Structure formats: C-alpha cells, structure tokens
N, C-alpha and C. Protein backbone atom coordinates (compact mmCIF):
# COMPACT_ATOMS: atom_id res chain seq x y z
N MET A 1 -7.44 -3.64 10.88
CA MET A 1 -6.97 -2.64 11.81
C MET A 1 -5.44 -2.66 11.83
N ILE A 2 -4.87 -1.48 11.91
CA ILE A 2 -3.41 -1.37 11.89
C ILE A 2 -2.94 -0.58 13.11
N HIS A 3 -2.01 -1.16 13.85
CA HIS A 3 -1.38 -0.48 14.98
C HIS A 3 0.07 -0.22 14.60
N HIS A 4 0.63 0.86 15.12
CA HIS A 4 2.02 1.17 14.77
C HIS A 4 2.70 1.93 15.88
N GLU A 5 4.02 1.80 15.91
CA GLU A 5 4.84 2.52 16.88
C GLU A 5 6.27 2.58 16.37
N LEU A 6 6.99 3.58 16.82
CA LEU A 6 8.41 3.69 16.51
C LEU A 6 9.19 3.12 17.69
N ILE A 7 10.02 2.13 17.42
CA ILE A 7 10.88 1.55 18.45
C ILE A 7 12.18 2.35 18.42
N ALA A 8 12.34 3.23 19.39
CA ALA A 8 13.46 4.18 19.38
C ALA A 8 14.82 3.50 19.40
N LYS A 9 14.94 2.43 20.17
CA LYS A 9 16.24 1.77 20.33
C LYS A 9 16.81 1.29 19.00
N THR A 10 15.94 0.74 18.15
CA THR A 10 16.40 0.20 16.86
C THR A 10 16.04 1.09 15.68
N LYS A 11 15.35 2.20 15.96
CA LYS A 11 14.88 3.12 14.91
C LYS A 11 14.07 2.37 13.85
N THR A 12 13.22 1.47 14.34
CA THR A 12 12.39 0.64 13.48
C THR A 12 10.92 0.96 13.75
N VAL A 13 10.16 1.10 12.68
CA VAL A 13 8.72 1.28 12.80
C VAL A 13 8.08 -0.10 12.83
N LYS A 14 7.36 -0.39 13.90
CA LYS A 14 6.65 -1.67 14.02
C LYS A 14 5.20 -1.44 13.63
N VAL A 15 4.73 -2.22 12.68
CA VAL A 15 3.35 -2.13 12.21
C VAL A 15 2.70 -3.49 12.42
N VAL A 16 1.58 -3.51 13.14
CA VAL A 16 0.84 -4.75 13.38
C VAL A 16 -0.47 -4.67 12.61
N VAL A 17 -0.67 -5.63 11.71
CA VAL A 17 -1.90 -5.68 10.93
C VAL A 17 -2.78 -6.77 11.52
N GLU A 18 -4.06 -6.43 11.79
CA GLU A 18 -5.00 -7.39 12.37
C GLU A 18 -6.16 -7.62 11.43
N GLY A 19 -6.59 -8.87 11.32
CA GLY A 19 -7.77 -9.19 10.51
C GLY A 19 -7.43 -9.25 9.03
N ARG A 20 -8.32 -8.69 8.24
CA ARG A 20 -8.15 -8.71 6.78
C ARG A 20 -7.17 -7.62 6.36
N PHE A 21 -6.17 -8.02 5.61
CA PHE A 21 -5.20 -7.09 5.03
C PHE A 21 -5.55 -7.01 3.55
N ASP A 22 -6.41 -6.04 3.23
CA ASP A 22 -6.94 -5.95 1.87
C ASP A 22 -7.15 -4.50 1.48
N PHE A 23 -7.86 -4.29 0.39
CA PHE A 23 -8.09 -2.95 -0.16
C PHE A 23 -8.64 -1.99 0.88
N ASN A 24 -9.46 -2.47 1.79
CA ASN A 24 -10.07 -1.61 2.80
C ASN A 24 -9.05 -1.01 3.77
N CYS A 25 -7.86 -1.56 3.84
CA CYS A 25 -6.79 -1.05 4.71
C CYS A 25 -5.91 -0.02 4.02
N GLN A 26 -6.14 0.17 2.74
CA GLN A 26 -5.21 0.96 1.93
C GLN A 26 -4.98 2.37 2.48
N ASN A 27 -6.03 3.10 2.78
CA ASN A 27 -5.85 4.48 3.27
C ASN A 27 -5.12 4.51 4.61
N GLU A 28 -5.50 3.61 5.51
CA GLU A 28 -4.86 3.56 6.82
C GLU A 28 -3.37 3.20 6.69
N PHE A 29 -3.06 2.25 5.82
CA PHE A 29 -1.67 1.84 5.62
C PHE A 29 -0.85 2.99 5.03
N LYS A 30 -1.42 3.70 4.06
CA LYS A 30 -0.72 4.84 3.46
C LYS A 30 -0.48 5.95 4.48
N GLU A 31 -1.44 6.15 5.39
CA GLU A 31 -1.26 7.15 6.44
C GLU A 31 -0.08 6.79 7.34
N VAL A 32 0.07 5.51 7.65
CA VAL A 32 1.20 5.06 8.47
C VAL A 32 2.51 5.35 7.74
N ILE A 33 2.56 5.02 6.46
CA ILE A 33 3.77 5.28 5.67
C ILE A 33 4.10 6.77 5.68
N THR A 34 3.08 7.58 5.48
CA THR A 34 3.27 9.04 5.45
C THR A 34 3.72 9.56 6.81
N GLN A 35 3.12 9.04 7.88
CA GLN A 35 3.46 9.48 9.23
C GLN A 35 4.93 9.23 9.55
N TYR A 36 5.48 8.16 8.99
CA TYR A 36 6.87 7.81 9.28
C TYR A 36 7.78 8.10 8.09
N SER A 37 7.47 9.14 7.34
CA SER A 37 8.37 9.50 6.24
C SER A 37 9.72 9.86 6.85
N GLY A 38 10.76 9.43 6.21
CA GLY A 38 12.10 9.62 6.75
C GLY A 38 12.63 8.37 7.44
N GLN A 39 11.72 7.48 7.83
CA GLN A 39 12.13 6.20 8.42
C GLN A 39 12.34 5.19 7.30
N ASN A 40 13.32 4.33 7.46
CA ASN A 40 13.56 3.35 6.41
C ASN A 40 13.66 1.91 6.93
N ARG A 41 13.35 1.71 8.19
CA ARG A 41 13.38 0.34 8.76
C ARG A 41 11.98 0.04 9.29
N PHE A 42 11.40 -1.05 8.79
CA PHE A 42 10.05 -1.42 9.17
C PHE A 42 9.98 -2.90 9.53
N LEU A 43 9.21 -3.19 10.56
CA LEU A 43 8.89 -4.56 10.96
C LEU A 43 7.37 -4.68 10.84
N ILE A 44 6.92 -5.50 9.92
CA ILE A 44 5.49 -5.69 9.70
C ILE A 44 5.08 -7.01 10.33
N ASP A 45 4.32 -6.93 11.42
CA ASP A 45 3.87 -8.12 12.14
C ASP A 45 2.56 -8.59 11.50
N LEU A 46 2.61 -9.75 10.88
CA LEU A 46 1.45 -10.30 10.18
C LEU A 46 0.79 -11.45 10.95
N SER A 47 1.16 -11.62 12.20
CA SER A 47 0.68 -12.78 12.97
C SER A 47 -0.83 -12.79 13.16
N ARG A 48 -1.47 -11.64 13.06
CA ARG A 48 -2.92 -11.56 13.29
C ARG A 48 -3.72 -11.39 12.00
N VAL A 49 -3.05 -11.55 10.87
CA VAL A 49 -3.73 -11.42 9.58
C VAL A 49 -4.54 -12.69 9.30
N THR A 50 -5.82 -12.49 8.95
CA THR A 50 -6.69 -13.63 8.63
C THR A 50 -6.89 -13.79 7.13
N TYR A 51 -6.57 -12.75 6.36
CA TYR A 51 -6.77 -12.78 4.90
C TYR A 51 -5.87 -11.72 4.29
N MET A 52 -5.29 -12.04 3.14
CA MET A 52 -4.44 -11.08 2.44
C MET A 52 -4.76 -11.17 0.95
N ASP A 53 -4.92 -10.02 0.28
CA ASP A 53 -5.17 -10.04 -1.15
C ASP A 53 -4.11 -9.25 -1.90
N SER A 54 -4.31 -9.10 -3.21
CA SER A 54 -3.31 -8.43 -4.04
C SER A 54 -3.14 -6.96 -3.67
N ALA A 55 -4.17 -6.33 -3.14
CA ALA A 55 -4.03 -4.94 -2.71
C ALA A 55 -3.02 -4.84 -1.57
N ALA A 56 -3.02 -5.81 -0.68
CA ALA A 56 -2.05 -5.83 0.42
C ALA A 56 -0.64 -5.99 -0.12
N LEU A 57 -0.49 -6.84 -1.13
CA LEU A 57 0.83 -7.00 -1.75
C LEU A 57 1.29 -5.67 -2.35
N GLY A 58 0.37 -4.97 -2.98
CA GLY A 58 0.71 -3.66 -3.53
C GLY A 58 1.12 -2.66 -2.46
N MET A 59 0.44 -2.70 -1.32
CA MET A 59 0.80 -1.80 -0.21
C MET A 59 2.20 -2.11 0.31
N LEU A 60 2.54 -3.38 0.38
CA LEU A 60 3.88 -3.76 0.83
C LEU A 60 4.94 -3.29 -0.17
N LEU A 61 4.63 -3.36 -1.46
CA LEU A 61 5.57 -2.86 -2.47
C LEU A 61 5.73 -1.35 -2.35
N LEU A 62 4.63 -0.65 -2.07
CA LEU A 62 4.69 0.79 -1.87
C LEU A 62 5.58 1.12 -0.67
N LEU A 63 5.42 0.37 0.40
CA LEU A 63 6.26 0.55 1.59
C LEU A 63 7.73 0.30 1.25
N ARG A 64 7.99 -0.73 0.47
CA ARG A 64 9.37 -1.05 0.07
C ARG A 64 9.99 0.12 -0.68
N ASP A 65 9.24 0.69 -1.61
CA ASP A 65 9.74 1.85 -2.35
C ASP A 65 10.00 3.02 -1.40
N HIS A 66 9.09 3.23 -0.47
CA HIS A 66 9.23 4.32 0.50
C HIS A 66 10.49 4.15 1.35
N ALA A 67 10.80 2.90 1.69
CA ALA A 67 11.95 2.62 2.56
C ALA A 67 13.27 2.55 1.80
N GLY A 68 13.23 2.74 0.52
CA GLY A 68 14.47 2.75 -0.25
C GLY A 68 14.74 1.50 -1.06
N GLY A 69 13.85 0.52 -0.97
CA GLY A 69 13.95 -0.65 -1.82
C GLY A 69 14.84 -1.77 -1.36
N GLY A 70 15.51 -1.63 -0.23
CA GLY A 70 16.42 -2.68 0.23
C GLY A 70 15.71 -3.76 1.02
N GLN A 71 16.05 -5.01 0.74
CA GLN A 71 15.42 -6.15 1.42
C GLN A 71 15.66 -6.11 2.93
N GLU A 72 16.82 -5.65 3.33
CA GLU A 72 17.17 -5.68 4.74
C GLU A 72 16.40 -4.66 5.57
N LYS A 73 15.71 -3.75 4.93
CA LYS A 73 15.04 -2.67 5.65
C LYS A 73 13.62 -3.00 6.07
N ILE A 74 13.02 -4.03 5.48
CA ILE A 74 11.65 -4.40 5.81
C ILE A 74 11.59 -5.89 6.14
N ILE A 75 11.07 -6.17 7.32
CA ILE A 75 10.90 -7.55 7.77
C ILE A 75 9.41 -7.84 7.86
N LEU A 76 8.97 -8.90 7.22
CA LEU A 76 7.61 -9.39 7.34
C LEU A 76 7.67 -10.56 8.31
N LYS A 77 7.03 -10.39 9.47
CA LYS A 77 7.24 -11.32 10.58
C LYS A 77 5.96 -12.07 10.95
N SER A 78 6.15 -13.34 11.28
CA SER A 78 5.12 -14.19 11.88
C SER A 78 3.86 -14.33 11.04
N ALA A 79 4.01 -14.41 9.74
CA ALA A 79 2.84 -14.59 8.88
C ALA A 79 2.25 -15.98 9.09
N PRO A 80 0.92 -16.07 9.20
CA PRO A 80 0.28 -17.39 9.28
C PRO A 80 0.56 -18.18 8.00
N PRO A 81 0.43 -19.50 8.05
CA PRO A 81 0.78 -20.33 6.89
C PRO A 81 0.13 -19.90 5.57
N ALA A 82 -1.16 -19.60 5.57
CA ALA A 82 -1.83 -19.21 4.32
C ALA A 82 -1.27 -17.89 3.79
N THR A 83 -1.00 -16.95 4.69
CA THR A 83 -0.44 -15.67 4.29
C THR A 83 0.99 -15.85 3.78
N LEU A 84 1.74 -16.69 4.44
CA LEU A 84 3.11 -16.98 4.02
C LEU A 84 3.13 -17.61 2.63
N ASP A 85 2.16 -18.47 2.35
CA ASP A 85 2.05 -19.06 1.01
C ASP A 85 1.84 -17.99 -0.05
N VAL A 86 0.94 -17.04 0.23
CA VAL A 86 0.69 -15.94 -0.72
C VAL A 86 1.97 -15.16 -0.96
N LEU A 87 2.69 -14.84 0.09
CA LEU A 87 3.93 -14.08 -0.04
C LEU A 87 4.97 -14.83 -0.86
N ARG A 88 5.08 -16.11 -0.63
CA ARG A 88 6.07 -16.91 -1.38
C ARG A 88 5.67 -17.10 -2.84
N ILE A 89 4.39 -17.34 -3.10
CA ILE A 89 3.93 -17.48 -4.48
C ILE A 89 4.20 -16.21 -5.27
N ALA A 90 4.06 -15.06 -4.60
CA ALA A 90 4.32 -13.76 -5.24
C ALA A 90 5.81 -13.41 -5.27
N ASN A 91 6.66 -14.34 -4.81
CA ASN A 91 8.12 -14.13 -4.75
C ASN A 91 8.53 -12.97 -3.84
N PHE A 92 7.72 -12.70 -2.84
CA PHE A 92 8.07 -11.64 -1.90
C PHE A 92 9.24 -12.04 -1.01
N ASP A 93 9.56 -13.32 -0.97
CA ASP A 93 10.73 -13.74 -0.21
C ASP A 93 12.01 -13.25 -0.86
N ARG A 94 11.93 -12.81 -2.10
CA ARG A 94 13.09 -12.22 -2.79
C ARG A 94 13.18 -10.71 -2.57
N LEU A 95 12.07 -10.11 -2.17
CA LEU A 95 12.01 -8.66 -2.00
C LEU A 95 12.07 -8.21 -0.55
N PHE A 96 11.65 -9.10 0.35
CA PHE A 96 11.55 -8.78 1.77
C PHE A 96 12.23 -9.89 2.58
N THR A 97 12.55 -9.57 3.81
CA THR A 97 13.01 -10.60 4.74
C THR A 97 11.77 -11.18 5.41
N LEU A 98 11.58 -12.49 5.27
CA LEU A 98 10.46 -13.17 5.91
C LEU A 98 10.97 -13.90 7.14
N GLU A 99 10.36 -13.63 8.26
CA GLU A 99 10.74 -14.29 9.52
C GLU A 99 9.53 -14.96 10.14
C-alpha cells in the first residue's frame, strides 16, 4: 500500500510505502509519479516496508529519472535493516540520499 501527500512548505512529495514493495505495487507507484509530474523533490518513507525486490529498485530508478536524476532530490528514509542492505548492495547509496 502506498500513501502520498504534497508537503507545501518544502514542496516535497512524501510517499509512504507499507508492506511488500514489489512488482504488485508497480501500477500504484507509477500513478503517484504521474500525479506529481512537475515535482522534483521526493521523500520516500520506507519504515513500514517488510520486503523489497528488484521491481521496487526499478521503480525507484524510474522516480529518479522523473525527478531529474539528482541525488539531492530524492531521500529514502527510515529503511529497515534488511531493506537498507538491499539498497546498499545495489549501490543506491550513490544514487539517492539514504537517511
């Protein structure tokens, strides 16, 4: 499940992913990206993710392209240890800001 909102003060789109972040989330995640076309600052809250696969990594790369490709524009926040390991093994710490 994906929740999202625009934080007007910082002009940042906050996206909260809950449960499994996998292929089954692909359409919903793409809808969020489309809904916020024109926005280039995203905060992805991963604190409630229980599983992440390669499809999720692909969705994050798609979001990065949508936001203009800059590391400073997308923050991946509060990833659980197993999810953080996946992100680091995939070298996403070089592409995104991990907090």
